[in-house]
Amino acid sequence: MAKDVNVSGAAEGERSSTGAAPEIKRWSANRKKEVVLRLMRGESVDALSRELGIEIYRLEEWHQKALQGIESALKAREGDPLVAELDAAFKRIGEITMENELLREKARRAHPLAPRRSKR
C-alpha cells in the first residue's frame, strides 16, 4: 500500500512556508489526542490554532471531551460487590426458571392423559 507523502516537506497538519494549511479531510482520534496533550502541557490555544489551521472553539471542544473521558475513566469501579451480587442473583433466577420449566415438562409427560387446563 502506498502512503500519502506531503510534497511540501511540512509535517502533517502544519502550514507550509507559503502560509497555506494543507487540506486535511479528517482528524483521527490519535491526532486529536496529540493536540489535546499539547494543550495540557501548556501550549497556547492561539498558537496551536494558527499552526494547525483549526478553530479555537474546536480545540477547546476536544480538550473538554478529553477531560470528561478522563473523569469518567477515573470514576469507573472495578469489582463492585453490588454488581457481583446482582449478577449472581440473576444467574440463580435463571437456574430456578430452567428447573421449573423442566419439572413442568416432566410432570406433563408423566401424566399424558390428565385433563389440561385452558391457557386462556
Protein backbone atom coordinates (compact mmCIF):
# COMPACT_ATOMS: atom_id res chain seq x y z
CA MET A 1 0.00 0.00 0.00
CA ALA A 2 1.30 3.44 -0.83
CA LYS A 3 1.36 6.08 1.87
CA ASP A 4 0.39 9.69 1.24
CA VAL A 5 3.52 11.80 1.18
CA ASN A 6 3.44 15.51 1.90
CA VAL A 7 5.25 17.08 -1.04
CA SER A 8 5.96 20.38 0.68
CA GLY A 9 8.02 18.68 3.40
CA ALA A 10 5.91 20.16 6.21
CA ALA A 11 4.70 17.81 8.91
CA GLU A 12 1.14 16.61 8.69
CA GLY A 13 -1.28 19.33 9.79
CA GLU A 14 1.33 22.09 9.73
CA ARG A 15 1.32 25.09 7.46
CA SER A 16 3.71 25.21 4.55
CA SER A 17 6.18 28.04 4.01
CA THR A 18 3.55 29.86 1.93
CA GLY A 19 1.29 30.02 4.98
CA ALA A 20 -1.50 27.93 3.47
CA ALA A 21 -2.59 24.94 5.50
CA PRO A 22 -2.65 21.66 3.58
CA GLU A 23 -6.10 20.24 3.03
CA ILE A 24 -6.84 17.65 5.71
CA LYS A 25 -10.11 15.83 5.36
CA ARG A 26 -10.27 14.02 8.70
CA TRP A 27 -8.66 14.29 12.10
CA SER A 28 -8.11 10.85 13.61
CA ALA A 29 -8.61 10.24 17.32
CA ASN A 30 -4.86 9.77 17.72
CA ARG A 31 -4.06 13.12 16.08
CA LYS A 32 -6.70 14.85 18.23
CA LYS A 33 -5.17 13.22 21.31
CA GLU A 34 -1.74 14.58 20.41
CA VAL A 35 -3.18 18.10 20.05
CA VAL A 36 -5.02 17.84 23.39
CA LEU A 37 -1.85 16.61 25.09
CA ARG A 38 -0.02 19.64 23.73
CA LEU A 39 -2.77 21.85 25.21
CA MET A 40 -2.43 20.08 28.56
CA ARG A 41 1.32 20.63 28.51
CA GLY A 42 0.63 24.36 28.40
CA GLU A 43 0.91 25.30 24.75
CA SER A 44 -1.16 28.30 23.76
CA VAL A 45 -4.54 27.63 22.15
CA ASP A 46 -3.97 30.57 19.82
CA ALA A 47 -0.58 29.27 18.68
CA LEU A 48 -1.94 25.75 18.09
CA SER A 49 -4.92 27.14 16.23
CA ARG A 50 -2.68 29.11 13.90
CA GLU A 51 -0.19 26.26 13.45
CA LEU A 52 -2.78 23.57 12.72
CA GLY A 53 -5.40 25.70 10.98
CA ILE A 54 -8.10 24.58 13.44
CA GLU A 55 -10.63 26.92 15.02
CA ILE A 56 -10.10 27.70 18.70
CA TYR A 57 -13.59 26.57 19.66
CA ARG A 58 -12.89 23.15 18.13
CA LEU A 59 -9.61 22.77 20.04
CA GLU A 60 -11.38 23.71 23.27
CA GLU A 61 -14.14 21.22 22.49
CA TRP A 62 -11.58 18.42 22.03
CA HIS A 63 -9.94 19.44 25.30
CA GLN A 64 -13.26 19.34 27.20
CA LYS A 65 -14.17 15.94 25.76
CA ALA A 66 -10.76 14.59 26.77
CA LEU A 67 -11.20 15.86 30.33
CA GLN A 68 -14.67 14.29 30.51
CA GLY A 69 -13.25 10.98 29.30
CA ILE A 70 -10.51 11.09 31.90
CA GLU A 71 -13.03 11.86 34.64
CA SER A 72 -15.40 9.04 33.65
CA ALA A 73 -12.49 6.59 33.45
CA LEU A 74 -11.39 7.52 36.96
CA LYS A 75 -14.94 7.18 38.31
CA ALA A 76 -15.37 3.64 36.95
CA ARG A 77 -15.43 1.00 39.65
CA GLU A 78 -13.77 -2.33 39.22
CA GLY A 79 -15.04 -5.33 41.13
CA ASP A 80 -18.08 -3.57 42.62
CA PRO A 81 -19.56 -6.01 45.17
CA LEU A 82 -23.12 -4.88 44.44
CA VAL A 83 -22.77 -5.63 40.74
CA ALA A 84 -21.28 -9.05 41.52
CA GLU A 85 -24.16 -9.82 43.92
CA LEU A 86 -26.73 -8.71 41.35
CA ASP A 87 -25.11 -10.86 38.64
CA ALA A 88 -25.19 -13.87 40.98
CA ALA A 89 -28.87 -13.24 41.74
CA PHE A 90 -29.75 -13.08 38.03
CA LYS A 91 -27.82 -16.30 37.43
CA ARG A 92 -29.71 -18.05 40.24
CA ILE A 93 -33.07 -16.77 38.93
CA GLY A 94 -32.20 -18.21 35.51
CA GLU A 95 -31.29 -21.57 37.03
CA ILE A 96 -34.53 -21.72 39.05
CA THR A 97 -36.59 -20.77 36.00
CA MET A 98 -34.95 -23.52 33.95
CA GLU A 99 -35.52 -26.11 36.71
CA ASN A 100 -39.15 -25.04 36.95
CA GLU A 101 -39.69 -25.44 33.20
CA LEU A 102 -38.02 -28.86 33.19
CA LEU A 103 -40.14 -30.07 36.12
CA ARG A 104 -43.33 -28.88 34.41
CA GLU A 105 -42.38 -30.71 31.21
CA LYS A 106 -41.53 -33.86 33.20
CA ALA A 107 -44.87 -33.70 35.02
CA ARG A 108 -46.74 -33.20 31.74
CA ARG A 109 -45.02 -36.24 30.19
CA ALA A 110 -45.66 -38.39 33.29
CA HIS A 111 -49.42 -37.81 33.02
CA PRO A 112 -50.15 -37.53 29.29
CA LEU A 113 -53.87 -38.29 29.68
CA ALA A 114 -54.51 -35.88 32.53
CA PRO A 115 -57.02 -33.16 31.71
CA ARG A 116 -55.30 -29.95 30.69
CA ARG A 117 -56.39 -26.50 31.69
CA SER A 118 -57.10 -23.92 29.06
CA LYS A 119 -54.37 -21.35 28.63
CA ARG A 120 -56.88 -18.56 28.25
